[in-house]
């Protein structure tokens, strides 16, 4: 009996240690995101390799690479970031299908491709991106990142065709209200509030 108890205690101890290791590794990646997206991506890649049953590490690898691909690098390097983001989005989706947070990331990656080369990817990805945001909204109608990202996409489309973006400012307002109410747990995505306020101020002329 003593031996069995010892084994149980040891297993529990090992489980706690493993969980603590994952949490420490993820927290390190989250901290790195504030100053160095490349280092953060590499950190999350290591976590994703070790924890291949969790979608969040792959999600954050993709997130870092999408945010690294917004025109601040030579075109060949930008493509590498976008391709890596797609690989890790695919990994995250395989672990957590029909996850609206991952759908948003795919939508934002599509936008980077369109921004990179609108003549090649505009027609190819526009309808699919709109459909993706609509699907995410049906699954999670009160997720502020879903509402905000969809509104940004609709605004971008409206501006491209020379249309008024004002009708979508109400969605930005709605997203901000939901961001202020949001309570996230663990390593679930929580970004977007600051971005939404910037869009509200700069594009909807609200202060």
N, C-alpha and C. Protein backbone atom coordinates (compact mmCIF):
# COMPACT_ATOMS: atom_id res chain seq x y z
N UNK A 1 0.84 -1.21 0.00
CA UNK A 1 0.00 0.00 0.00
C UNK A 1 0.87 1.26 0.00
N UNK A 2 1.94 1.20 0.81
CA UNK A 2 2.84 2.35 0.87
C UNK A 2 3.49 2.61 -0.48
N UNK A 3 3.85 1.49 -1.16
CA UNK A 3 4.48 1.61 -2.48
C UNK A 3 3.53 2.24 -3.48
N UNK A 4 2.25 1.80 -3.45
CA UNK A 4 1.24 2.35 -4.36
C UNK A 4 1.05 3.84 -4.10
N UNK A 5 0.96 4.21 -2.83
CA UNK A 5 0.79 5.62 -2.47
C UNK A 5 1.97 6.45 -2.96
N UNK A 6 3.17 5.89 -2.81
CA UNK A 6 4.37 6.59 -3.26
C UNK A 6 4.34 6.82 -4.76
N UNK A 7 3.90 5.79 -5.51
CA UNK A 7 3.82 5.89 -6.97
C UNK A 7 2.81 6.97 -7.38
N UNK A 8 1.64 6.99 -6.71
CA UNK A 8 0.60 7.98 -7.01
C UNK A 8 1.12 9.39 -6.77
N UNK A 9 1.79 9.57 -5.62
CA UNK A 9 2.35 10.90 -5.29
C UNK A 9 3.38 11.30 -6.33
N UNK A 10 4.21 10.34 -6.76
CA UNK A 10 5.24 10.63 -7.74
C UNK A 10 4.62 11.03 -9.08
N UNK A 11 3.56 10.32 -9.49
CA UNK A 11 2.89 10.64 -10.75
C UNK A 11 2.26 12.02 -10.71
N UNK A 12 1.61 12.33 -9.59
CA UNK A 12 1.01 13.67 -9.43
C UNK A 12 2.08 14.74 -9.48
N UNK A 13 3.20 14.47 -8.81
CA UNK A 13 4.31 15.42 -8.78
C UNK A 13 4.87 15.66 -10.17
N UNK A 14 5.04 14.58 -10.94
CA UNK A 14 5.54 14.69 -12.30
C UNK A 14 4.57 15.46 -13.18
N UNK A 15 3.26 15.24 -12.98
CA UNK A 15 2.24 15.94 -13.76
C UNK A 15 2.28 17.43 -13.49
N UNK A 16 2.40 17.80 -12.24
CA UNK A 16 2.46 19.22 -11.86
C UNK A 16 3.70 19.87 -12.44
N UNK A 17 4.84 19.11 -12.37
CA UNK A 17 6.09 19.64 -12.90
C UNK A 17 5.98 19.88 -14.39
N UNK A 18 5.37 18.92 -15.13
CA UNK A 18 5.21 19.04 -16.58
C UNK A 18 4.33 20.24 -16.91
N UNK A 19 3.24 20.38 -16.19
CA UNK A 19 2.33 21.50 -16.42
C UNK A 19 3.04 22.82 -16.13
N UNK A 20 3.79 22.85 -15.05
CA UNK A 20 4.51 24.06 -14.68
C UNK A 20 5.53 24.42 -15.75
N UNK A 21 6.20 23.39 -16.31
CA UNK A 21 7.16 23.62 -17.38
C UNK A 21 6.49 24.23 -18.60
N UNK A 22 5.32 23.73 -18.96
CA UNK A 22 4.57 24.26 -20.10
C UNK A 22 4.18 25.71 -19.85
N UNK A 23 3.67 25.95 -18.66
CA UNK A 23 3.25 27.31 -18.33
C UNK A 23 4.43 28.28 -18.36
N UNK A 24 5.56 27.86 -17.81
CA UNK A 24 6.74 28.73 -17.80
C UNK A 24 7.20 29.03 -19.22
N UNK A 25 7.19 27.99 -20.07
CA UNK A 25 7.63 28.16 -21.46
C UNK A 25 6.68 29.09 -22.22
N UNK A 26 5.38 28.94 -21.98
CA UNK A 26 4.41 29.80 -22.66
C UNK A 26 4.52 31.24 -22.17
N UNK A 27 4.69 31.41 -20.86
CA UNK A 27 4.83 32.76 -20.31
C UNK A 27 6.08 33.45 -20.85
N UNK A 28 7.15 32.69 -21.05
CA UNK A 28 8.36 33.25 -21.62
C UNK A 28 8.08 33.74 -23.05
N UNK A 29 7.34 32.94 -23.82
CA UNK A 29 6.98 33.34 -25.17
C UNK A 29 6.11 34.58 -25.19
N UNK A 30 5.15 34.63 -24.28
CA UNK A 30 4.26 35.80 -24.21
C UNK A 30 5.04 37.07 -23.87
N UNK A 31 6.01 36.93 -22.99
CA UNK A 31 6.83 38.08 -22.61
C UNK A 31 7.69 38.53 -23.78
N UNK A 32 8.26 37.58 -24.52
CA UNK A 32 9.09 37.92 -25.66
C UNK A 32 8.31 38.63 -26.76
N UNK A 33 7.02 38.33 -26.86
CA UNK A 33 6.20 38.97 -27.89
C UNK A 33 6.16 40.49 -27.76
N UNK A 34 6.41 40.97 -26.56
CA UNK A 34 6.36 42.41 -26.33
C UNK A 34 7.53 43.14 -26.99
N UNK A 35 8.65 42.42 -27.22
CA UNK A 35 9.86 43.09 -27.69
C UNK A 35 10.51 42.43 -28.91
N UNK A 36 10.29 41.13 -29.11
CA UNK A 36 11.02 40.42 -30.16
C UNK A 36 10.16 39.29 -30.71
N UNK A 37 9.46 39.56 -31.82
CA UNK A 37 8.55 38.56 -32.38
C UNK A 37 9.28 37.32 -32.89
N UNK A 38 10.48 37.50 -33.44
CA UNK A 38 11.23 36.35 -33.94
C UNK A 38 11.62 35.41 -32.80
N UNK A 39 12.14 35.98 -31.71
CA UNK A 39 12.50 35.17 -30.55
C UNK A 39 11.26 34.51 -29.95
N UNK A 40 10.16 35.24 -29.92
CA UNK A 40 8.91 34.68 -29.40
C UNK A 40 8.44 33.51 -30.26
N UNK A 41 8.51 33.69 -31.58
CA UNK A 41 8.11 32.61 -32.50
C UNK A 41 8.96 31.37 -32.25
N UNK A 42 10.25 31.54 -32.10
CA UNK A 42 11.15 30.40 -31.85
C UNK A 42 10.83 29.72 -30.53
N UNK A 43 10.49 30.51 -29.53
CA UNK A 43 10.10 29.94 -28.24
C UNK A 43 8.83 29.11 -28.36
N UNK A 44 7.82 29.67 -29.03
CA UNK A 44 6.57 28.94 -29.20
C UNK A 44 6.74 27.71 -30.09
N UNK A 45 7.67 27.77 -31.05
CA UNK A 45 7.93 26.59 -31.88
C UNK A 45 8.45 25.44 -31.02
N UNK A 46 9.32 25.75 -30.08
CA UNK A 46 9.84 24.72 -29.18
C UNK A 46 8.72 24.13 -28.33
N UNK A 47 7.84 25.00 -27.85
CA UNK A 47 6.73 24.52 -27.02
C UNK A 47 5.78 23.67 -27.86
N UNK A 48 5.51 24.11 -29.08
CA UNK A 48 4.61 23.36 -29.97
C UNK A 48 5.16 21.97 -30.27
N UNK A 49 6.47 21.87 -30.44
CA UNK A 49 7.09 20.57 -30.72
C UNK A 49 6.97 19.64 -29.52
N UNK A 50 7.06 20.21 -28.32
CA UNK A 50 6.99 19.40 -27.10
C UNK A 50 5.56 19.11 -26.67
N UNK A 51 4.63 19.99 -27.01
CA UNK A 51 3.23 19.87 -26.56
C UNK A 51 2.33 19.81 -27.80
N UNK A 52 2.42 18.71 -28.55
CA UNK A 52 1.71 18.64 -29.82
C UNK A 52 0.22 18.32 -29.70
N UNK A 53 -0.29 18.32 -28.46
CA UNK A 53 -1.73 18.15 -28.26
C UNK A 53 -2.40 19.46 -27.87
N UNK A 54 -1.63 20.54 -27.84
CA UNK A 54 -2.17 21.85 -27.45
C UNK A 54 -2.11 22.78 -28.66
N UNK A 55 -3.23 23.46 -28.95
CA UNK A 55 -3.28 24.33 -30.13
C UNK A 55 -2.66 25.70 -29.90
N UNK A 56 -2.60 26.13 -28.64
CA UNK A 56 -2.14 27.51 -28.37
C UNK A 56 -0.70 27.78 -28.81
N UNK A 57 0.28 26.88 -28.57
CA UNK A 57 1.64 27.19 -29.02
C UNK A 57 1.72 27.40 -30.53
N UNK A 58 1.07 26.53 -31.30
CA UNK A 58 1.07 26.69 -32.76
C UNK A 58 0.37 27.98 -33.16
N UNK A 59 -0.71 28.30 -32.47
CA UNK A 59 -1.43 29.55 -32.72
C UNK A 59 -0.50 30.75 -32.59
N UNK A 60 0.29 30.77 -31.51
CA UNK A 60 1.14 31.93 -31.27
C UNK A 60 2.35 31.98 -32.21
N UNK A 61 2.81 30.81 -32.68
CA UNK A 61 3.84 30.85 -33.73
C UNK A 61 3.27 31.56 -34.95
N UNK A 62 2.06 31.16 -35.36
CA UNK A 62 1.41 31.80 -36.51
C UNK A 62 1.18 33.28 -36.25
N UNK A 63 0.71 33.60 -35.07
CA UNK A 63 0.42 35.00 -34.71
C UNK A 63 1.68 35.86 -34.84
N UNK A 64 2.80 35.38 -34.31
CA UNK A 64 4.05 36.13 -34.38
C UNK A 64 4.49 36.33 -35.82
N UNK A 65 4.35 35.30 -36.65
CA UNK A 65 4.81 35.40 -38.02
C UNK A 65 3.90 36.27 -38.88
N UNK A 66 2.60 36.26 -38.59
CA UNK A 66 1.70 37.18 -39.28
C UNK A 66 2.07 38.62 -38.94
N UNK A 67 2.29 38.88 -37.67
CA UNK A 67 2.62 40.24 -37.25
C UNK A 67 4.01 40.67 -37.71
N UNK A 68 4.84 39.70 -38.14
CA UNK A 68 6.16 40.02 -38.67
C UNK A 68 6.15 40.24 -40.18
N UNK A 69 5.01 40.07 -40.82
CA UNK A 69 4.97 40.07 -42.28
C UNK A 69 4.31 41.30 -42.88
N UNK A 70 4.09 42.34 -42.06
CA UNK A 70 3.38 43.52 -42.54
C UNK A 70 4.31 44.53 -43.21
N UNK A 71 4.99 44.11 -44.28
CA UNK A 71 5.70 45.05 -45.13
C UNK A 71 7.00 45.61 -44.62
N UNK A 72 7.48 45.12 -43.46
CA UNK A 72 8.70 45.72 -42.93
C UNK A 72 9.95 44.94 -43.35
N UNK A 73 9.80 43.94 -44.23
CA UNK A 73 10.91 43.10 -44.65
C UNK A 73 10.95 43.01 -46.17
N UNK A 74 12.10 42.57 -46.74
CA UNK A 74 12.12 42.29 -48.18
C UNK A 74 11.06 41.25 -48.53
N UNK A 75 10.59 41.28 -49.76
CA UNK A 75 9.47 40.43 -50.15
C UNK A 75 9.73 38.95 -49.95
N UNK A 76 10.95 38.50 -50.24
CA UNK A 76 11.23 37.07 -50.10
C UNK A 76 11.15 36.64 -48.63
N UNK A 77 11.57 37.51 -47.72
CA UNK A 77 11.50 37.20 -46.30
C UNK A 77 10.06 37.25 -45.81
N UNK A 78 9.28 38.19 -46.33
CA UNK A 78 7.87 38.30 -45.96
C UNK A 78 7.13 37.02 -46.32
N UNK A 79 7.41 36.46 -47.49
CA UNK A 79 6.77 35.22 -47.93
C UNK A 79 7.10 34.08 -46.97
N UNK A 80 8.34 34.02 -46.51
CA UNK A 80 8.73 32.96 -45.57
C UNK A 80 7.93 33.06 -44.27
N UNK A 81 7.74 34.29 -43.79
CA UNK A 81 6.94 34.48 -42.57
C UNK A 81 5.50 34.00 -42.80
N UNK A 82 4.94 34.37 -43.93
CA UNK A 82 3.55 34.01 -44.20
C UNK A 82 3.38 32.50 -44.38
N UNK A 83 4.34 31.88 -45.02
CA UNK A 83 4.25 30.42 -45.22
C UNK A 83 4.39 29.69 -43.89
N UNK A 84 5.28 30.17 -43.04
CA UNK A 84 5.42 29.54 -41.72
C UNK A 84 4.13 29.71 -40.92
N UNK A 85 3.53 30.91 -41.00
CA UNK A 85 2.26 31.15 -40.31
C UNK A 85 1.21 30.15 -40.78
N UNK A 86 1.14 29.90 -42.08
CA UNK A 86 0.14 28.96 -42.60
C UNK A 86 0.39 27.55 -42.10
N UNK A 87 1.64 27.15 -42.05
CA UNK A 87 1.97 25.81 -41.55
C UNK A 87 1.47 25.62 -40.12
N UNK A 88 1.68 26.63 -39.30
CA UNK A 88 1.29 26.50 -37.89
C UNK A 88 -0.21 26.71 -37.69
N UNK A 89 -0.85 27.48 -38.54
CA UNK A 89 -2.31 27.55 -38.50
C UNK A 89 -2.88 26.17 -38.81
N UNK A 90 -2.31 25.50 -39.81
CA UNK A 90 -2.76 24.15 -40.16
C UNK A 90 -2.61 23.21 -38.97
N UNK A 91 -1.47 23.32 -38.27
CA UNK A 91 -1.24 22.47 -37.09
C UNK A 91 -2.28 22.76 -36.01
N UNK A 92 -2.53 24.04 -35.75
CA UNK A 92 -3.49 24.42 -34.71
C UNK A 92 -4.89 23.93 -35.07
N UNK A 93 -5.27 24.05 -36.34
CA UNK A 93 -6.59 23.61 -36.78
C UNK A 93 -6.75 22.10 -36.65
N UNK A 94 -5.67 21.37 -36.89
CA UNK A 94 -5.73 19.92 -36.77
C UNK A 94 -6.00 19.49 -35.33
N UNK A 95 -5.48 20.27 -34.39
CA UNK A 95 -5.68 19.98 -32.97
C UNK A 95 -7.05 20.48 -32.50
N UNK A 96 -7.47 21.65 -32.99
CA UNK A 96 -8.72 22.28 -32.53
C UNK A 96 -9.54 22.76 -33.74
N UNK A 97 -10.27 21.84 -34.38
CA UNK A 97 -11.06 22.22 -35.57
C UNK A 97 -12.20 23.18 -35.21
N UNK A 98 -12.58 24.00 -36.18
CA UNK A 98 -13.70 24.94 -36.02
C UNK A 98 -13.53 25.86 -34.82
N UNK A 99 -12.29 26.23 -34.56
CA UNK A 99 -11.98 27.16 -33.47
C UNK A 99 -12.01 28.59 -34.04
N UNK A 100 -12.92 29.44 -33.57
CA UNK A 100 -13.03 30.78 -34.15
C UNK A 100 -11.76 31.62 -34.00
N UNK A 101 -10.99 31.39 -32.93
CA UNK A 101 -9.74 32.13 -32.77
C UNK A 101 -8.77 31.80 -33.90
N UNK A 102 -8.73 30.54 -34.29
CA UNK A 102 -7.84 30.13 -35.37
C UNK A 102 -8.38 30.61 -36.71
N UNK A 103 -9.70 30.64 -36.87
CA UNK A 103 -10.31 31.17 -38.09
C UNK A 103 -9.93 32.63 -38.28
N UNK A 104 -9.96 33.40 -37.20
CA UNK A 104 -9.57 34.81 -37.26
C UNK A 104 -8.13 34.93 -37.77
N UNK A 105 -7.26 34.09 -37.22
CA UNK A 105 -5.86 34.13 -37.61
C UNK A 105 -5.71 33.83 -39.10
N UNK A 106 -6.47 32.86 -39.59
CA UNK A 106 -6.44 32.55 -41.02
C UNK A 106 -6.92 33.75 -41.84
N UNK A 107 -7.97 34.40 -41.37
CA UNK A 107 -8.46 35.58 -42.06
C UNK A 107 -7.42 36.68 -42.11
N UNK A 108 -6.72 36.87 -41.02
CA UNK A 108 -5.70 37.93 -40.98
C UNK A 108 -4.50 37.56 -41.85
N UNK A 109 -4.17 36.29 -41.92
CA UNK A 109 -3.10 35.86 -42.81
C UNK A 109 -3.51 36.07 -44.27
N UNK A 110 -4.75 35.75 -44.58
CA UNK A 110 -5.24 36.01 -45.94
C UNK A 110 -5.08 37.49 -46.31
N UNK A 111 -5.36 38.35 -45.33
CA UNK A 111 -5.23 39.79 -45.58
C UNK A 111 -3.78 40.16 -45.86
N UNK A 112 -2.84 39.53 -45.18
CA UNK A 112 -1.43 39.84 -45.44
C UNK A 112 -1.04 39.42 -46.86
N UNK A 113 -1.58 38.29 -47.32
CA UNK A 113 -1.31 37.87 -48.70
C UNK A 113 -1.89 38.86 -49.70
N UNK A 114 -3.11 39.32 -49.42
CA UNK A 114 -3.75 40.29 -50.32
C UNK A 114 -2.98 41.61 -50.33
N UNK A 115 -2.53 42.04 -49.14
CA UNK A 115 -1.73 43.26 -49.05
C UNK A 115 -0.40 43.09 -49.78
N UNK A 116 0.17 41.91 -49.68
CA UNK A 116 1.44 41.60 -50.34
C UNK A 116 1.32 41.68 -51.86
N UNK A 117 0.23 41.12 -52.40
CA UNK A 117 0.04 41.11 -53.86
C UNK A 117 -1.45 41.03 -54.16
N UNK A 118 -2.09 42.19 -54.21
CA UNK A 118 -3.55 42.22 -54.38
C UNK A 118 -4.00 41.68 -55.73
N UNK A 119 -3.19 41.88 -56.75
CA UNK A 119 -3.59 41.42 -58.08
C UNK A 119 -3.61 39.90 -58.17
N UNK A 120 -2.74 39.25 -57.41
CA UNK A 120 -2.69 37.79 -57.41
C UNK A 120 -3.66 37.18 -56.40
N UNK A 121 -3.71 37.75 -55.20
CA UNK A 121 -4.45 37.11 -54.11
C UNK A 121 -5.79 37.76 -53.78
N UNK A 122 -6.05 38.95 -54.32
CA UNK A 122 -7.32 39.63 -54.03
C UNK A 122 -8.52 38.79 -54.43
N UNK A 123 -8.60 38.43 -55.68
CA UNK A 123 -9.73 37.62 -56.17
C UNK A 123 -9.72 36.22 -55.57
N UNK A 124 -8.52 35.70 -55.37
CA UNK A 124 -8.38 34.32 -54.89
C UNK A 124 -8.86 34.15 -53.45
N UNK A 125 -8.60 35.15 -52.61
CA UNK A 125 -8.82 34.99 -51.17
C UNK A 125 -9.96 35.83 -50.58
N UNK A 126 -10.43 36.83 -51.31
CA UNK A 126 -11.41 37.76 -50.72
C UNK A 126 -12.70 37.07 -50.29
N UNK A 127 -13.31 36.31 -51.19
CA UNK A 127 -14.58 35.65 -50.87
C UNK A 127 -14.39 34.63 -49.74
N UNK A 128 -13.28 33.90 -49.79
CA UNK A 128 -13.01 32.89 -48.75
C UNK A 128 -12.82 33.55 -47.39
N UNK A 129 -12.18 34.72 -47.37
CA UNK A 129 -11.95 35.43 -46.11
C UNK A 129 -13.26 35.94 -45.53
N UNK A 130 -14.10 36.50 -46.38
CA UNK A 130 -15.42 36.96 -45.92
C UNK A 130 -16.21 35.80 -45.33
N UNK A 131 -16.20 34.67 -46.02
CA UNK A 131 -16.92 33.48 -45.55
C UNK A 131 -16.36 32.98 -44.22
N UNK A 132 -15.05 33.08 -44.08
CA UNK A 132 -14.39 32.63 -42.84
C UNK A 132 -14.84 33.47 -41.65
N UNK A 133 -14.90 34.77 -41.83
CA UNK A 133 -15.34 35.65 -40.74
C UNK A 133 -16.82 35.44 -40.42
N UNK A 134 -17.62 35.19 -41.44
CA UNK A 134 -19.04 34.91 -41.21
C UNK A 134 -19.21 33.63 -40.39
N UNK A 135 -18.42 32.62 -40.73
CA UNK A 135 -18.48 31.35 -40.00
C UNK A 135 -18.05 31.53 -38.54
N UNK A 136 -16.96 32.28 -38.35
CA UNK A 136 -16.47 32.53 -36.98
C UNK A 136 -17.52 33.27 -36.16
N UNK A 137 -18.21 34.21 -36.80
CA UNK A 137 -19.23 34.98 -36.08
C UNK A 137 -20.40 34.10 -35.66
N UNK A 138 -20.76 33.15 -36.51
CA UNK A 138 -21.86 32.24 -36.15
C UNK A 138 -21.48 31.37 -34.96
N UNK A 139 -20.22 30.97 -34.91
CA UNK A 139 -19.77 30.11 -33.82
C UNK A 139 -19.60 30.91 -32.52
N UNK A 140 -19.04 32.12 -32.63
CA UNK A 140 -18.73 32.91 -31.43
C UNK A 140 -19.18 34.36 -31.64
N UNK A 141 -20.50 34.60 -31.60
CA UNK A 141 -21.02 35.94 -31.91
C UNK A 141 -20.64 37.03 -30.92
N UNK A 142 -20.15 36.65 -29.74
CA UNK A 142 -19.76 37.66 -28.76
C UNK A 142 -18.25 37.66 -28.48
N UNK A 143 -17.50 37.04 -29.36
CA UNK A 143 -16.05 37.09 -29.24
C UNK A 143 -15.57 38.42 -29.81
N UNK A 144 -14.94 39.27 -29.00
CA UNK A 144 -14.57 40.61 -29.49
C UNK A 144 -13.57 40.58 -30.64
N UNK A 145 -12.67 39.56 -30.66
CA UNK A 145 -11.71 39.48 -31.76
C UNK A 145 -12.40 39.12 -33.08
N UNK A 146 -13.44 38.31 -32.99
CA UNK A 146 -14.22 37.97 -34.19
C UNK A 146 -14.88 39.23 -34.75
N UNK A 147 -15.55 39.96 -33.89
CA UNK A 147 -16.27 41.16 -34.33
C UNK A 147 -15.30 42.22 -34.85
N UNK A 148 -14.21 42.43 -34.11
CA UNK A 148 -13.23 43.43 -34.51
C UNK A 148 -12.56 43.07 -35.83
N UNK A 149 -12.11 41.82 -35.96
CA UNK A 149 -11.40 41.41 -37.17
C UNK A 149 -12.31 41.44 -38.39
N UNK A 150 -13.56 41.03 -38.20
CA UNK A 150 -14.52 41.08 -39.30
C UNK A 150 -14.77 42.53 -39.72
N UNK A 151 -14.91 43.42 -38.72
CA UNK A 151 -15.13 44.84 -39.02
C UNK A 151 -13.94 45.44 -39.76
N UNK A 152 -12.73 45.09 -39.33
CA UNK A 152 -11.52 45.58 -40.02
C UNK A 152 -11.50 45.10 -41.47
N UNK A 153 -11.85 43.84 -41.66
CA UNK A 153 -11.87 43.28 -43.02
C UNK A 153 -12.90 44.01 -43.89
N UNK A 154 -14.09 44.23 -43.34
CA UNK A 154 -15.14 44.91 -44.10
C UNK A 154 -14.75 46.36 -44.40
N UNK A 155 -14.09 47.00 -43.44
CA UNK A 155 -13.61 48.36 -43.67
C UNK A 155 -12.57 48.40 -44.79
N UNK A 156 -11.64 47.46 -44.74
CA UNK A 156 -10.61 47.41 -45.77
C UNK A 156 -11.20 47.18 -47.15
N UNK A 157 -12.18 46.30 -47.22
CA UNK A 157 -12.84 46.03 -48.49
C UNK A 157 -13.58 47.27 -48.99
N UNK A 158 -14.26 47.96 -48.07
CA UNK A 158 -15.01 49.17 -48.44
C UNK A 158 -14.05 50.25 -48.96
N UNK A 159 -12.95 50.44 -48.28
CA UNK A 159 -11.98 51.45 -48.71
C UNK A 159 -11.38 51.10 -50.07
N UNK A 160 -11.13 49.82 -50.31
CA UNK A 160 -10.57 49.40 -51.60
C UNK A 160 -11.50 49.76 -52.75
N UNK A 161 -12.81 49.64 -52.50
CA UNK A 161 -13.79 49.93 -53.55
C UNK A 161 -14.33 51.36 -53.46
N UNK A 162 -13.71 52.19 -52.61
CA UNK A 162 -14.10 53.59 -52.50
C UNK A 162 -15.43 53.82 -51.83
N UNK A 163 -15.81 52.90 -50.93
CA UNK A 163 -17.10 53.03 -50.24
C UNK A 163 -16.92 53.56 -48.82
N UNK A 164 -18.00 54.01 -48.24
CA UNK A 164 -18.00 54.58 -46.90
C UNK A 164 -17.78 53.48 -45.86
N UNK A 165 -16.86 53.72 -44.92
CA UNK A 165 -16.60 52.73 -43.87
C UNK A 165 -17.45 52.97 -42.63
N UNK A 166 -18.16 54.09 -42.59
CA UNK A 166 -18.93 54.45 -41.39
C UNK A 166 -19.88 53.36 -40.92
N UNK A 167 -20.57 52.64 -41.81
CA UNK A 167 -21.49 51.60 -41.34
C UNK A 167 -20.83 50.53 -40.46
N UNK A 168 -19.50 50.39 -40.56
CA UNK A 168 -18.82 49.35 -39.79
C UNK A 168 -18.25 49.86 -38.47
N UNK A 169 -18.35 51.17 -38.25
CA UNK A 169 -17.84 51.73 -36.99
C UNK A 169 -18.64 51.22 -35.79
N UNK A 170 -19.91 50.94 -36.01
CA UNK A 170 -20.73 50.38 -34.93
C UNK A 170 -20.21 49.03 -34.47
N UNK A 171 -19.65 48.25 -35.41
CA UNK A 171 -19.07 46.96 -35.05
C UNK A 171 -17.82 47.15 -34.20
N UNK A 172 -17.04 48.17 -34.52
CA UNK A 172 -15.85 48.48 -33.71
C UNK A 172 -16.28 48.86 -32.29
N UNK A 173 -17.31 49.68 -32.18
CA UNK A 173 -17.83 50.06 -30.85
C UNK A 173 -18.27 48.83 -30.07
N UNK A 174 -18.98 47.94 -30.77
CA UNK A 174 -19.47 46.71 -30.13
C UNK A 174 -18.31 45.85 -29.65
N UNK A 175 -17.28 45.74 -30.49
CA UNK A 175 -16.11 44.94 -30.11
C UNK A 175 -15.43 45.50 -28.87
N UNK A 176 -15.30 46.82 -28.79
CA UNK A 176 -14.63 47.45 -27.65
C UNK A 176 -15.40 47.17 -26.36
N UNK A 177 -16.71 47.24 -26.42
CA UNK A 177 -17.54 46.94 -25.24
C UNK A 177 -17.29 45.50 -24.78
N UNK A 178 -17.23 44.58 -25.75
CA UNK A 178 -17.01 43.17 -25.42
C UNK A 178 -15.59 42.93 -24.92
N UNK A 179 -14.61 43.65 -25.48
CA UNK A 179 -13.24 43.54 -24.98
C UNK A 179 -13.18 43.93 -23.50
N UNK A 180 -13.91 44.97 -23.15
CA UNK A 180 -13.87 45.47 -21.77
C UNK A 180 -14.53 44.50 -20.79
N UNK A 181 -15.41 43.65 -21.31
CA UNK A 181 -16.08 42.66 -20.47
C UNK A 181 -15.35 41.31 -20.46
N UNK A 182 -14.44 41.13 -21.40
CA UNK A 182 -13.84 39.80 -21.62
C UNK A 182 -12.98 39.35 -20.44
N UNK A 183 -13.13 38.09 -20.12
CA UNK A 183 -12.28 37.44 -19.11
C UNK A 183 -11.66 36.21 -19.76
N UNK A 184 -10.35 36.23 -19.94
CA UNK A 184 -9.68 35.11 -20.56
C UNK A 184 -8.99 34.26 -19.50
N UNK A 185 -8.80 32.98 -19.83
CA UNK A 185 -8.14 32.07 -18.90
C UNK A 185 -6.99 31.36 -19.63
N UNK A 186 -6.03 30.92 -18.85
CA UNK A 186 -4.90 30.20 -19.43
C UNK A 186 -4.18 31.04 -20.46
N UNK A 187 -3.92 30.41 -21.61
CA UNK A 187 -3.21 31.10 -22.68
C UNK A 187 -4.11 31.37 -23.88
N UNK A 188 -5.41 31.47 -23.61
CA UNK A 188 -6.35 31.83 -24.67
C UNK A 188 -6.03 33.22 -25.19
N UNK A 189 -6.21 33.46 -26.49
CA UNK A 189 -5.93 34.79 -27.04
C UNK A 189 -6.70 35.90 -26.33
N UNK A 190 -6.03 37.02 -26.12
CA UNK A 190 -6.68 38.15 -25.45
C UNK A 190 -6.35 39.48 -26.12
N UNK A 191 -5.67 39.44 -27.27
CA UNK A 191 -5.26 40.66 -27.96
C UNK A 191 -6.47 41.34 -28.62
N UNK A 192 -6.27 42.59 -29.02
CA UNK A 192 -7.26 43.26 -29.85
C UNK A 192 -7.86 44.53 -29.29
N UNK A 193 -7.90 44.67 -27.98
CA UNK A 193 -8.57 45.83 -27.38
C UNK A 193 -7.90 47.13 -27.81
N UNK A 194 -6.58 47.20 -27.66
CA UNK A 194 -5.85 48.40 -28.04
C UNK A 194 -6.01 48.70 -29.52
N UNK A 195 -5.95 47.65 -30.35
CA UNK A 195 -6.09 47.82 -31.79
C UNK A 195 -7.45 48.39 -32.15
N UNK A 196 -8.48 47.88 -31.47
CA UNK A 196 -9.84 48.33 -31.75
C UNK A 196 -10.01 49.81 -31.38
N UNK A 197 -9.41 50.22 -30.27
CA UNK A 197 -9.49 51.63 -29.87
C UNK A 197 -8.78 52.52 -30.90
N UNK A 198 -7.65 52.05 -31.42
CA UNK A 198 -6.92 52.81 -32.44
C UNK A 198 -7.76 52.98 -33.70
N UNK A 199 -8.44 51.91 -34.11
CA UNK A 199 -9.30 51.99 -35.29
C UNK A 199 -10.47 52.94 -35.03
N UNK A 200 -11.05 52.83 -33.84
CA UNK A 200 -12.16 53.70 -33.47
C UNK A 200 -11.74 55.17 -33.52
N UNK A 201 -10.53 55.46 -33.02
CA UNK A 201 -10.03 56.84 -32.98
C UNK A 201 -9.61 57.35 -34.35
N UNK A 202 -8.85 56.54 -35.08
CA UNK A 202 -8.23 57.00 -36.31
C UNK A 202 -9.14 56.88 -37.55
N UNK A 203 -10.02 55.88 -37.55
CA UNK A 203 -10.83 55.65 -38.73
C UNK A 203 -12.28 56.04 -38.54
N UNK A 204 -12.75 56.00 -37.29
CA UNK A 204 -14.15 56.36 -37.02
C UNK A 204 -14.26 57.73 -36.37
N UNK A 205 -13.09 58.37 -36.17
CA UNK A 205 -13.05 59.74 -35.63
C UNK A 205 -13.76 59.87 -34.29
N UNK A 206 -13.53 58.87 -33.43
CA UNK A 206 -14.10 58.94 -32.09
C UNK A 206 -12.97 58.98 -31.08
N UNK A 207 -13.20 59.76 -30.00
CA UNK A 207 -12.18 59.87 -28.95
C UNK A 207 -12.81 59.63 -27.60
